PDB file of N, CA and C in Angstrom:
ATOM      1  N   MET A   1     143.698 -46.228 -86.504  1.00  0.00           N
ATOM      2  CA  MET A   1     142.725 -46.342 -87.291  1.00  0.00           C
ATOM      3  C   MET A   1     142.091 -47.326 -87.288  1.00  0.00           C
ATOM      4  N   ALA A   2     140.555 -47.248 -88.125  1.00  0.00           N
ATOM      5  CA  ALA A   2     139.768 -48.900 -87.203  1.00  0.00           C
ATOM      6  C   ALA A   2     140.340 -50.087 -88.956  1.00  0.00           C
ATOM      7  N   HIS A   3     140.331 -49.005 -89.655  1.00  0.00           N
ATOM      8  CA  HIS A   3     141.245 -50.698 -90.637  1.00  0.00           C
ATOM      9  C   HIS A   3     142.080 -51.371 -90.871  1.00  0.00           C
ATOM     10  N   GLY A   4     143.141 -50.255 -89.919  1.00  0.00           N
ATOM     11  CA  GLY A   4     144.941 -50.985 -89.989  1.00  0.00           C
ATOM     12  C   GLY A   4     145.323 -49.934 -89.418  1.00  0.00           C
ATOM     13  N   LEU A   5     147.023 -50.596 -89.682  1.00  0.00           N
ATOM     14  CA  LEU A   5     148.526 -49.242 -89.454  1.00  0.00           C
ATOM     15  C   LEU A   5     148.632 -48.370 -89.729  1.00  0.00           C
ATOM     16  N   GLU A   6     148.449 -47.642 -90.247  1.00  0.00           N
ATOM     17  CA  GLU A   6     148.965 -46.190 -90.689  1.00  0.00           C
ATOM     18  C   GLU A   6     149.972 -45.671 -90.766  1.00  0.00           C
ATOM     19  N   VAL A   7     150.835 -44.659 -91.123  1.00  0.00           N
ATOM     20  CA  VAL A   7     152.102 -44.871 -91.327  1.00  0.00           C
ATOM     21  C   VAL A   7     152.041 -43.202 -92.691  1.00  0.00           C
ATOM     22  N   GLN A   8     153.218 -42.258 -91.862  1.00  0.00           N
ATOM     23  CA  GLN A   8     153.271 -41.194 -93.029  1.00  0.00           C
ATOM     24  C   GLN A   8     155.102 -41.441 -93.124  1.00  0.00           C
ATOM     25  N   GLY A   9     155.195 -41.403 -94.593  1.00  0.00           N
ATOM     26  CA  GLY A   9     156.705 -40.598 -95.005  1.00  0.00           C
ATOM     27  C   GLY A   9     157.009 -39.805 -95.310  1.00  0.00           C
ATOM     28  N   ALA A  10     158.030 -39.689 -95.597  1.00  0.00           N
ATOM     29  CA  ALA A  10     158.768 -38.104 -96.238  1.00  0.00           C
ATOM     30  C   ALA A  10     158.882 -38.465 -97.815  1.00  0.00           C
ATOM     31  N   MET A  11     159.216 -37.124 -98.148  1.00  0.00           N
ATOM     32  CA  MET A  11     159.185 -37.068 -99.552  1.00  0.00           C
ATOM     33  C   MET A  11     160.566 -36.126 -99.534  1.00  0.00           C
ATOM     34  N   ARG A  12     161.113 -36.560-100.394  1.00  0.00           N
ATOM     35  CA  ARG A  12     162.152 -35.577-101.257  1.00  0.00           C
ATOM     36  C   ARG A  12     161.529 -34.525-101.064  1.00  0.00           C
ATOM     37  N   GLY A  13     162.349 -33.366-101.233  1.00  0.00           N
ATOM     38  CA  GLY A  13     161.130 -31.885-100.614  1.00  0.00           C
ATOM     39  C   GLY A  13     160.358 -31.612-100.027  1.00  0.00           C
ATOM     40  N   GLY A  14     159.920 -31.958 -99.527  1.00  0.00           N
ATOM     41  CA  GLY A  14     159.215 -32.245 -98.178  1.00  0.00           C
ATOM     42  C   GLY A  14     157.615 -32.645 -98.741  1.00  0.00           C
ATOM     43  N   GLY A  15     157.693 -33.360 -99.417  1.00  0.00           N
ATOM     44  CA  GLY A  15     156.319 -33.987 -98.965  1.00  0.00           C
ATOM     45  C   GLY A  15     155.612 -35.673 -98.153  1.00  0.00           C
ATOM     46  N   VAL A  16     155.294 -35.939 -98.437  1.00  0.00           N
ATOM     47  CA  VAL A  16     154.875 -37.094 -97.310  1.00  0.00           C
ATOM     48  C   VAL A  16     153.385 -37.632 -98.342  1.00  0.00           C
ATOM     49  N   PHE A  17     154.026 -38.878 -97.991  1.00  0.00           N
ATOM     50  CA  PHE A  17     153.271 -39.734 -98.433  1.00  0.00           C
ATOM     51  C   PHE A  17     152.164 -40.917 -96.973  1.00  0.00           C
ATOM     52  N   SER A  18     151.194 -41.919 -97.388  1.00  0.00           N
ATOM     53  CA  SER A  18     150.560 -41.932 -96.375  1.00  0.00           C
ATOM     54  C   SER A  18     150.243 -44.391 -96.891  1.00  0.00           C
ATOM     55  N   ALA A  19     150.443 -44.828 -95.575  1.00  0.00           N
ATOM     56  CA  ALA A  19     150.731 -46.216 -96.181  1.00  0.00           C
ATOM     57  C   ALA A  19     150.224 -46.792 -95.276  1.00  0.00           C
ATOM     58  N   LEU A  20     149.212 -47.708 -95.932  1.00  0.00           N
ATOM     59  CA  LEU A  20     148.066 -47.833 -94.743  1.00  0.00           C
ATOM     60  C   LEU A  20     148.812 -49.481 -94.743  1.00  0.00           C
ATOM     61  N   PHE A  21     148.740 -50.439 -93.501  1.00  0.00           N
ATOM     62  CA  PHE A  21     148.694 -51.584 -93.078  1.00  0.00           C
ATOM     63  C   PHE A  21     146.954 -52.321 -93.217  1.00  0.00           C
ATOM     64  N   SER A  22     146.587 -52.608 -94.147  1.00  0.00           N
ATOM     65  CA  SER A  22     145.401 -53.379 -93.784  1.00  0.00           C
ATOM     66  C   SER A  22     145.341 -54.950 -93.273  1.00  0.00           C
ATOM     67  N   GLY A  23     144.165 -53.967 -91.738  1.00  0.00           N
ATOM     68  CA  GLY A  23     143.234 -54.741 -90.932  1.00  0.00           C
ATOM     69  C   GLY A  23     144.943 -55.645 -90.341  1.00  0.00           C
ATOM     70  N   VAL A  24     146.086 -54.836 -89.575  1.00  0.00           N
ATOM     71  CA  VAL A  24     146.456 -55.048 -88.336  1.00  0.00           C
ATOM     72  C   VAL A  24     147.229 -54.071 -87.965  1.00  0.00           C
ATOM     73  N   ASP A  25     147.506 -53.976 -86.590  1.00  0.00           N
ATOM     74  CA  ASP A  25     147.771 -53.081 -85.284  1.00  0.00           C
ATOM     75  C   ASP A  25     148.818 -53.429 -84.989  1.00  0.00           C
ATOM     76  N   THR A  26     150.064 -54.213 -85.862  1.00  0.00           N
ATOM     77  CA  THR A  26     151.686 -54.817 -85.610  1.00  0.00           C
ATOM     78  C   THR A  26     151.640 -55.145 -87.026  1.00  0.00           C
ATOM     79  N   LEU A  27     152.929 -54.940 -87.368  1.00  0.00           N
ATOM     80  CA  LEU A  27     153.784 -55.878 -88.534  1.00  0.00           C
ATOM     81  C   LEU A  27     154.194 -57.176 -87.727  1.00  0.00           C
ATOM     82  N   THR A  28     154.092 -58.334 -88.505  1.00  0.00           N
ATOM     83  CA  THR A  28     154.748 -59.338 -87.750  1.00  0.00           C
ATOM     84  C   THR A  28     155.470 -60.080 -89.292  1.00  0.00           C
ATOM     85  N   ALA A  29     156.904 -60.526 -88.466  1.00  0.00           N
ATOM     86  CA  ALA A  29     157.773 -60.948 -89.619  1.00  0.00           C
ATOM     87  C   ALA A  29     157.072 -62.411 -90.547  1.00  0.00           C
ATOM     88  N   GLY A  30     157.123 -62.319 -91.735  1.00  0.00           N
ATOM     89  CA  GLY A  30     156.621 -64.282 -92.140  1.00  0.00           C
ATOM     90  C   GLY A  30     154.948 -63.330 -92.656  1.00  0.00           C
ATOM     91  N   THR A  31     154.292 -62.715 -92.093  1.00  0.00           N
ATOM     92  CA  THR A  31     152.737 -62.986 -92.953  1.00  0.00           C
ATOM     93  C   THR A  31     152.276 -61.443 -93.794  1.00  0.00           C
ATOM     94  N   PRO A  32     152.298 -62.108 -95.194  1.00  0.00           N
ATOM     95  CA  PRO A  32     151.898 -60.731 -95.861  1.00  0.00           C
ATOM     96  C   PRO A  32     150.479 -60.161 -95.294  1.00  0.00           C
ATOM     97  N   ILE A  33     150.767 -58.717 -95.850  1.00  0.00           N
ATOM     98  CA  ILE A  33     149.888 -57.408 -95.960  1.00  0.00           C
ATOM     99  C   ILE A  33     149.480 -56.761 -96.270  1.00  0.00           C
ATOM    100  N   THR A  34     148.136 -56.830 -97.156  1.00  0.00           N
ATOM    101  CA  THR A  34     147.895 -56.010 -97.996  1.00  0.00           C
ATOM    102  C   THR A  34     148.184 -54.794 -97.382  1.00  0.00           C
ATOM    103  N   THR A  35     148.832 -53.883 -98.185  1.00  0.00           N
ATOM    104  CA  THR A  35     149.360 -52.433 -98.232  1.00  0.00           C
ATOM    105  C   THR A  35     148.447 -51.504 -99.011  1.00  0.00           C
ATOM    106  N   TYR A  36     148.170 -50.317 -98.838  1.00  0.00           N
ATOM    107  CA  TYR A  36     147.550 -49.952 -99.428  1.00  0.00           C
ATOM    108  C   TYR A  36     148.640 -48.090 -99.420  1.00  0.00           C
ATOM    109  N   TRP A  37     148.434 -47.510-100.682  1.00  0.00           N
ATOM    110  CA  TRP A  37     149.378 -46.476-100.769  1.00  0.00           C
ATOM    111  C   TRP A  37     148.974 -44.805-101.268  1.00  0.00           C
ATOM    112  N   ARG A  38     148.793 -43.788-100.805  1.00  0.00           N
ATOM    113  CA  ARG A  38     148.224 -42.387-101.159  1.00  0.00           C
ATOM    114  C   ARG A  38     149.586 -41.804-101.152  1.00  0.00           C
ATOM    115  N   ILE A  39     150.080 -41.736-102.383  1.00  0.00           N
ATOM    116  CA  ILE A  39     151.680 -41.261-103.377  1.00  0.00           C
ATOM    117  C   ILE A  39     151.468 -39.861-104.486  1.00  0.00           C
ATOM    118  N   GLY A  40     151.910 -39.286-104.417  1.00  0.00           N
ATOM    119  CA  GLY A  40     152.270 -38.132-105.176  1.00  0.00           C
ATOM    120  C   GLY A  40     153.647 -38.385-106.273  1.00  0.00           C
ATOM    121  N   GLY A  41     153.445 -37.851-107.611  1.00  0.00           N
ATOM    122  CA  GLY A  41     154.892 -38.495-108.623  1.00  0.00           C
ATOM    123  C   GLY A  41     154.090 -39.164-109.815  1.00  0.00           C
ATOM    124  N   ALA A  42     154.721 -38.938-110.864  1.00  0.00           N
ATOM    125  CA  ALA A  42     154.794 -40.146-111.870  1.00  0.00           C
ATOM    126  C   ALA A  42     155.049 -40.893-112.399  1.00  0.00           C
ATOM    127  N   ARG A  43     154.302 -42.086-113.461  1.00  0.00           N
ATOM    128  CA  ARG A  43     154.413 -43.606-113.597  1.00  0.00           C
ATOM    129  C   ARG A  43     153.822 -44.508-112.247  1.00  0.00           C
ATOM    130  N   ALA A  44     154.634 -45.492-111.695  1.00  0.00           N
ATOM    131  CA  ALA A  44     154.407 -46.705-111.625  1.00  0.00           C
ATOM    132  C   ALA A  44     155.624 -46.488-110.547  1.00  0.00           C
ATOM    133  N   LEU A  45     154.515 -47.833-109.187  1.00  0.00           N
ATOM    134  CA  LEU A  45     155.046 -46.795-108.202  1.00  0.00           C
ATOM    135  C   LEU A  45     155.893 -48.225-107.720  1.00  0.00           C
ATOM    136  N   GLN A  46     156.964 -47.924-107.884  1.00  0.00           N
ATOM    137  CA  GLN A  46     158.239 -48.957-107.336  1.00  0.00           C
ATOM    138  C   GLN A  46     158.391 -49.119-105.307  1.00  0.00           C
ATOM    139  N   ILE A  47     158.508 -50.102-104.920  1.00  0.00           N
ATOM    140  CA  ILE A  47     159.038 -49.887-103.180  1.00  0.00           C
ATOM    141  C   ILE A  47     160.057 -51.515-103.161  1.00  0.00           C
ATOM    142  N   VAL A  48     160.589 -50.958-102.688  1.00  0.00           N
ATOM    143  CA  VAL A  48     161.894 -51.498-101.821  1.00  0.00           C
ATOM    144  C   VAL A  48     161.973 -51.819-100.004  1.00  0.00           C
ATOM    145  N   LEU A  49     162.159 -52.550 -99.705  1.00  0.00           N
ATOM    146  CA  LEU A  49     162.060 -52.871 -98.248  1.00  0.00           C
ATOM    147  C   LEU A  49     163.651 -53.327 -98.145  1.00  0.00           C
ATOM    148  N   VAL A  50     163.939 -52.471 -96.994  1.00  0.00           N
ATOM    149  CA  VAL A  50     165.698 -52.268 -96.431  1.00  0.00           C
ATOM    150  C   VAL A  50     165.782 -53.222 -95.229  1.00  0.00           C
ATOM    151  N   GLY A  51     166.262 -54.017 -94.924  1.00  0.00           N
ATOM    152  CA  GLY A  51     165.768 -54.418 -93.265  1.00  0.00           C
ATOM    153  C   GLY A  51     167.119 -54.894 -92.897  1.00  0.00           C
ATOM    154  N   PRO A  52     166.826 -55.175 -91.763  1.00  0.00           N
ATOM    155  CA  PRO A  52     168.000 -55.636 -90.741  1.00  0.00           C
ATOM    156  C   PRO A  52     169.375 -55.972 -91.692  1.00  0.00           C
ATOM    157  N   ALA A  53     171.334 -55.414 -91.469  1.00  0.00           N
ATOM    158  CA  ALA A  53     172.496 -56.501 -91.924  1.00  0.00           C
ATOM    159  C   ALA A  53     171.974 -55.659 -93.657  1.00  0.00           C
ATOM    160  N   ASP A  54     171.338 -54.742 -94.295  1.00  0.00           N
ATOM    161  CA  ASP A  54     170.662 -53.940 -95.178  1.00  0.00           C
ATOM    162  C   ASP A  54     170.199 -55.316 -96.784  1.00  0.00           C
ATOM    163  N   ARG A  55     169.242 -55.526 -96.139  1.00  0.00           N
ATOM    164  CA  ARG A  55     168.564 -57.171 -96.820  1.00  0.00           C
ATOM    165  C   ARG A  55     168.044 -56.519 -97.369  1.00  0.00           C
ATOM    166  N   ILE A  56     167.759 -56.687 -99.360  1.00  0.00           N
ATOM    167  CA  ILE A  56     167.139 -55.945 -99.324  1.00  0.00           C
ATOM    168  C   ILE A  56     166.037 -57.066 -99.472  1.00  0.00           C
ATOM    169  N   VAL A  57     164.468 -56.468-100.447  1.00  0.00           N
ATOM    170  CA  VAL A  57     163.203 -57.460-100.632  1.00  0.00           C
ATOM    171  C   VAL A  57     162.422 -56.163-101.129  1.00  0.00           C
ATOM    172  N   ARG A  58     162.681 -56.732-102.902  1.00  0.00           N
ATOM    173  CA  ARG A  58     162.358 -55.795-103.867  1.00  0.00           C
ATOM    174  C   ARG A  58     160.537 -56.331-104.332  1.00  0.00           C
ATOM    175  N   VAL A  59     159.624 -55.414-103.936  1.00  0.00           N
ATOM    176  CA  VAL A  59     158.042 -55.302-104.234  1.00  0.00           C
ATOM    177  C   VAL A  59     157.532 -55.689-105.021  1.00  0.00           C
ATOM    178  N   SER A  60     157.735 -57.219-106.098  1.00  0.00           N
ATOM    179  CA  SER A  60     156.549 -57.313-107.063  1.00  0.00           C
ATOM    180  C   SER A  60     154.473 -57.211-106.863  1.00  0.00           C
ATOM    181  N   GLY A  61     154.161 -56.811-108.004  1.00  0.00           N
ATOM    182  CA  GLY A  61     152.865 -57.110-107.514  1.00  0.00           C
ATOM    183  C   GLY A  61     151.352 -56.154-107.831  1.00  0.00           C
ATOM    184  N   VAL A  62     152.734 -54.418-107.222  1.00  0.00           N
ATOM    185  CA  VAL A  62     152.156 -52.933-107.488  1.00  0.00           C
ATOM    186  C   VAL A  62     151.526 -52.546-108.365  1.00  0.00           C
ATOM    187  N   ARG A  63     150.252 -52.159-107.515  1.00  0.00           N
ATOM    188  CA  ARG A  63     149.537 -51.371-108.588  1.00  0.00           C
ATOM    189  C   ARG A  63     148.435 -50.837-108.705  1.00  0.00           C
ATOM    190  N   PRO A  64     148.024 -49.876-109.592  1.00  0.00           N
ATOM    191  CA  PRO A  64     147.107 -48.636-108.676  1.00  0.00           C
ATOM    192  C   PRO A  64     145.804 -49.293-108.225  1.00  0.00           C
ATOM    193  N   GLY A  65     144.879 -48.728-107.281  1.00  0.00           N
ATOM    194  CA  GLY A  65     144.156 -49.400-105.963  1.00  0.00           C
ATOM    195  C   GLY A  65     143.863 -48.620-104.859  1.00  0.00           C
ATOM    196  N   VAL A  66     142.611 -49.013-104.851  1.00  0.00           N
ATOM    197  CA  VAL A  66     141.803 -48.083-103.981  1.00  0.00           C
ATOM    198  C   VAL A  66     141.523 -48.744-103.363  1.00  0.00           C
ATOM    199  N   ALA A  67     141.182 -48.937-101.420  1.00  0.00           N
ATOM    200  CA  ALA A  67     140.853 -49.481-100.890  1.00  0.00           C
ATOM    201  C   ALA A  67     139.481 -49.819-100.809  1.00  0.00           C
ATOM    202  N   PRO A  68     139.477 -50.809-100.385  1.00  0.00           N
ATOM    203  CA  PRO A  68     137.417 -51.059-100.369  1.00  0.00           C
ATOM    204  C   PRO A  68     137.105 -50.423 -99.648  1.00  0.00           C
ATOM    205  N   PHE A  69     137.243 -49.167 -99.280  1.00  0.00           N
ATOM    206  CA  PHE A  69     137.475 -48.258 -97.839  1.00  0.00           C
ATOM    207  C   PHE A  69     137.021 -47.616 -98.142  1.00  0.00           C
ATOM    208  N   THR A  70     136.562 -46.748 -97.351  1.00  0.00           N
ATOM    209  CA  THR A  70     137.197 -45.035 -97.152  1.00  0.00           C
ATOM    210  C   THR A  70     137.943 -44.907 -96.954  1.00  0.00           C
ATOM    211  N   TRP A  71     138.888 -44.625 -97.403  1.00  0.00           N
ATOM    212  CA  TRP A  71     140.487 -43.694 -96.653  1.00  0.00           C
ATOM    213  C   TRP A  71     140.947 -42.912 -97.604  1.00  0.00           C
ATOM    214  N   ASP A  72     140.520 -41.869 -97.348  1.00  0.00           N
ATOM    215  CA  ASP A  72     141.499 -40.046 -97.775  1.00  0.00           C
ATOM    216  C   ASP A  72     142.237 -39.737 -97.980  1.00  0.00           C
ATOM    217  N   ARG A  73     142.764 -39.654 -98.364  1.00  0.00           N
ATOM    218  CA  ARG A  73     144.840 -38.786 -98.093  1.00  0.00           C
ATOM    219  C   ARG A  73     144.836 -38.148 -99.888  1.00  0.00           C
ATOM    220  N   PRO A  74     145.604 -37.137 -99.720  1.00  0.00           N
ATOM    221  CA  PRO A  74     146.333 -36.898-101.147  1.00  0.00           C
ATOM    222  C   PRO A  74     147.516 -37.852-102.175  1.00  0.00           C
ATOM    223  N   GLY A  75     147.101 -37.665-102.859  1.00  0.00           N
ATOM    224  CA  GLY A  75     148.098 -38.527-103.754  1.00  0.00           C
ATOM    225  C   GLY A  75     146.469 -39.608-104.302  1.00  0.00           C
ATOM    226  N   GLU A  76     148.163 -40.579-105.357  1.00  0.00           N
ATOM    227  CA  GLU A  76     147.239 -41.799-105.611  1.00  0.00           C
ATOM    228  C   GLU A  76     146.662 -42.991-105.444  1.00  0.00           C
ATOM    229  N   PRO A  77     145.693 -43.013-105.728  1.00  0.00           N
ATOM    230  CA  PRO A  77     146.262 -44.668-104.853  1.00  0.00           C
ATOM    231  C   PRO A  77     146.897 -45.766-105.480  1.00  0.00           C
ATOM    232  N   TRP A  78     147.469 -46.775-104.890  1.00  0.00           N
ATOM    233  CA  TRP A  78     147.871 -47.736-105.140  1.00  0.00           C
ATOM    234  C   TRP A  78     147.410 -48.682-103.710  1.00  0.00           C
ATOM    235  N   GLN A  79     148.234 -50.278-104.300  1.00  0.00           N
ATOM    236  CA  GLN A  79     147.551 -51.298-103.575  1.00  0.00           C
ATOM    237  C   GLN A  79     148.909 -52.285-103.320  1.00  0.00           C
ATOM    238  N   SER A  80     149.529 -52.605-102.775  1.00  0.00           N
ATOM    239  CA  SER A  80     150.640 -54.230-103.206  1.00  0.00           C
ATOM    240  C   SER A  80     150.492 -55.081-101.845  1.00  0.00           C
ATOM    241  N   GLU A  81     151.243 -56.136-101.539  1.00  0.00           N
ATOM    242  CA  GLU A  81     151.219 -56.979-100.932  1.00  0.00           C
ATOM    243  C   GLU A  81     152.755 -57.071-100.516  1.00  0.00           C
ATOM    244  N   LEU A  82     153.225 -56.439 -98.955  1.00  0.00           N
ATOM    245  CA  LEU A  82     154.339 -56.898 -97.793  1.00  0.00           C
ATOM    246  C   LEU A  82     154.746 -57.870 -97.165  1.00  0.00           C
ATOM    247  N   THR A  83     155.767 -57.987 -97.313  1.00  0.00           N
ATOM    248  CA  THR A  83     156.013 -59.298 -96.326  1.00  0.00           C
ATOM    249  C   THR A  83     157.257 -59.368 -96.144  1.00  0.00           C
ATOM    250  N   PHE A  84     157.625 -58.829 -94.510  1.00  0.00           N
ATOM    251  CA  PHE A  84     159.268 -58.653 -93.669  1.00  0.00           C
ATOM    252  C   PHE A  84     159.307 -59.768 -93.389  1.00  0.00           C
ATOM    253  N   PRO A  85     160.763 -60.211 -94.207  1.00  0.00           N
ATOM    254  CA  PRO A  85     161.040 -61.780 -93.818  1.00  0.00           C
ATOM    255  C   PRO A  85     161.876 -62.155 -92.959  1.00  0.00           C
ATOM    256  N   GLN A  86     161.859 -61.204 -91.620  1.00  0.00           N
ATOM    257  CA  GLN A  86     162.487 -61.258 -90.881  1.00  0.00           C
ATOM    258  C   GLN A  86     162.007 -60.301 -89.811  1.00  0.00           C
ATOM    259  N   PRO A  87     161.995 -60.459 -88.623  1.00  0.00           N
ATOM    260  CA  PRO A  87     162.213 -59.200 -86.945  1.00  0.00           C
ATOM    261  C   PRO A  87     163.235 -57.802 -87.638  1.00  0.00           C
ATOM    262  N   GLY A  88     162.871 -56.793 -86.795  1.00  0.00           N
ATOM    263  CA  GLY A  88     163.565 -55.751 -86.866  1.00  0.00           C
ATOM    264  C   GLY A  88     163.342 -54.553 -87.793  1.00  0.00           C
ATOM    265  N   CYS A  89     164.402 -53.479 -87.994  1.00  0.00           N
ATOM    266  CA  CYS A  89     163.433 -52.146 -87.644  1.00  0.00           C
ATOM    267  C   CYS A  89     163.697 -52.790 -90.022  1.00  0.00           C
ATOM    268  N   TRP A  90     162.478 -52.043 -90.258  1.00  0.00           N
ATOM    269  CA  TRP A  90     162.502 -51.733 -92.044  1.00  0.00           C
ATOM    270  C   TRP A  90     162.774 -50.208 -91.981  1.00  0.00           C
ATOM    271  N   ARG A  91     163.339 -49.896 -93.430  1.00  0.00           N
ATOM    272  CA  ARG A  91     163.095 -48.751 -94.592  1.00  0.00           C
ATOM    273  C   ARG A  91     162.646 -49.527 -95.836  1.00  0.00           C
ATOM    274  N   VAL A  92     161.341 -48.426 -95.753  1.00  0.00           N
ATOM    275  CA  VAL A  92     160.767 -48.848 -97.367  1.00  0.00           C
ATOM    276  C   VAL A  92     160.380 -47.221 -97.850  1.00  0.00           C
ATOM    277  N   TYR A  93     161.176 -47.925 -98.788  1.00  0.00           N
ATOM    278  CA  TYR A  93     161.730 -46.896-100.210  1.00  0.00           C
ATOM    279  C   TYR A  93     160.808 -47.158-100.951  1.00  0.00           C
ATOM    280  N   VAL A  94     160.031 -45.977-101.411  1.00  0.00           N
ATOM    281  CA  VAL A  94     159.167 -45.413-102.904  1.00  0.00           C
ATOM    282  C   VAL A  94     159.422 -44.762-103.550  1.00  0.00           C
ATOM    283  N   ALA A  95     159.238 -45.366-104.659  1.00  0.00           N
ATOM    284  CA  ALA A  95     159.303 -43.846-105.724  1.00  0.00           C
ATOM    285  C   ALA A  95     158.320 -44.266-106.662  1.00  0.00           C
ATOM    286  N   ARG A  96     157.642 -43.407-107.243  1.00  0.00           N
ATOM    287  CA  ARG A  96     157.084 -43.458-108.295  1.00  0.00           C
ATOM    288  C   ARG A  96     157.936 -41.953-109.520  1.00  0.00           C
ATOM    289  N   GLY A  97     158.997 -42.153-110.478  1.00  0.00           N
ATOM    290  CA  GLY A  97     159.577 -41.655-111.742  1.00  0.00           C
ATOM    291  C   GLY A  97     160.497 -40.848-111.265  1.00  0.00           C
ATOM    292  N   SER A  98     160.494 -38.779-111.086  1.00  0.00           N
ATOM    293  CA  SER A  98     161.693 -38.476-110.077  1.00  0.00           C
ATOM    294  C   SER A  98     161.063 -38.364-108.888  1.00  0.00           C
ATOM    295  N   ALA A  99     160.021 -38.931-107.804  1.00  0.00           N
ATOM    296  CA  ALA A  99     159.957 -38.822-106.799  1.00  0.00           C
ATOM    297  C   ALA A  99     160.281 -39.408-105.770  1.00  0.00           C
ATOM    298  N   ASP A 100     160.289 -39.110-104.789  1.00  0.00           N
ATOM    299  CA  ASP A 100     160.827 -40.900-103.797  1.00  0.00           C
ATOM    300  C   ASP A 100     160.617 -40.651-102.401  1.00  0.00           C
ATOM    301  N   GLY A 101     160.820 -41.209-101.923  1.00  0.00           N
ATOM    302  CA  GLY A 101     160.502 -40.597-100.102  1.00  0.00           C
ATOM    303  C   GLY A 101     160.947 -42.328 -99.456  1.00  0.00           C
ATOM    304  N   GLU A 102     160.752 -42.147 -98.378  1.00  0.00           N
ATOM    305  CA  GLU A 102     160.818 -43.477 -97.616  1.00  0.00           C
ATOM    306  C   GLU A 102     160.548 -43.379 -95.712  1.00  0.00           C
ATOM    307  N   LEU A 103     159.867 -44.792 -95.571  1.00  0.00           N
ATOM    308  CA  LEU A 103     159.038 -44.430 -94.290  1.00  0.00           C
ATOM    309  C   LEU A 103     159.932 -46.063 -92.938  1.00  0.00           C
ATOM    310  N   TRP A 104     160.279 -46.078 -92.210  1.00  0.00           N
ATOM    311  CA  TRP A 104     160.383 -46.885 -91.124  1.00  0.00           C
ATOM    312  C   TRP A 104     159.448 -47.422 -90.257  1.00  0.00           C
ATOM    313  N   VAL A 105     159.411 -48.733 -90.487  1.00  0.00           N
ATOM    314  CA  VAL A 105     158.454 -49.565 -89.714  1.00  0.00           C
ATOM    315  C   VAL A 105     159.763 -50.374 -88.507  1.00  0.00           C
ATOM    316  N   ARG A 106     158.585 -50.766 -87.671  1.00  0.00           N
ATOM    317  CA  ARG A 106     159.313 -51.811 -86.790  1.00  0.00           C
ATOM    318  C   ARG A 106     158.680 -53.220 -87.100  1.00  0.00           C
ATOM    319  N   VAL A 107     159.250 -53.644 -86.632  1.00  0.00           N
ATOM    320  CA  VAL A 107     158.912 -55.445 -87.571  1.00  0.00           C
ATOM    321  C   VAL A 107     159.017 -56.657 -86.435  1.00  0.00           C
ATOM    322  N   GLY A 108     157.612 -57.675 -85.659  1.00  0.00           N
ATOM    323  CA  GLY A 108     157.823 -58.380 -85.075  1.00  0.00           C
ATOM    324  C   GLY A 108     157.514 -59.834 -85.451  1.00  0.00           C
TER     325      GLY A 108
END
């Protein structure tokens, strides 16, 4: 995708959601990345990063927002800024009310 690295995650119960790491084709530790989300559910979107050695990073500043370019996927649009503090395999856990899911990414 021309606008960045797109990843699909799995929701509990079989649904999917999408994340677009804007402007990058690889994820690099220590670099803030504007991330757009398309996800169903109700209430505010909550994001938690779980990394190497079970390191937990709670993401703040998550807000509704549409990408400044065409990115049409199912679900409501959200925006956040993610910074992975160290390289490794990271689980990105998302929740909106009773709906939750995850995706896995490798950070260099």
